[in-house]
Amino acid sequence: MTEFPPALKHITAWLVLGTAVFLGVQAWQNQRQQSRFSVQGGVIVQSSTAGGTVQGWTGRGALQLQGGVQVERLPITVLPALGSPLLGMDVLGRLRFSQTDGVLRIQAQAGQP
């Protein structure tokens, strides 16, 4: 049996490498596009806010703030009608706030994961 020509070997190697890189980029893009939130069972809730009553759903989410504070699988209420994120006391109660020289510091309280 004869060997394949060197040019065919190089083309095959580059095609395999290109396919692997392409699939890796596609997997990475898919992971980046996935929502960090999941809706559980479609339970509809109504919440009273300063802007009025809004409708939403219960779910779980992952929250990561700059500086390393993060919470995973946090029970949340998704309120699509709100224009910006809103943290409740279930998250804020686990944090310690301090301000010195115009710098606000947010840290997890001792004993909190």
Foldseek 3Di string as FASTA:
>chain_A
DDDDDPVVVVVVVVVVVVVVVVVVVVVVVVVVPDAQKDFPPFDKDWDQDPVGIFIWGWTFGWDADPPGDIDGRHIDTDGPVDPDDDDDCVVVVQWDWDDDPRDIDIHGDPPDD
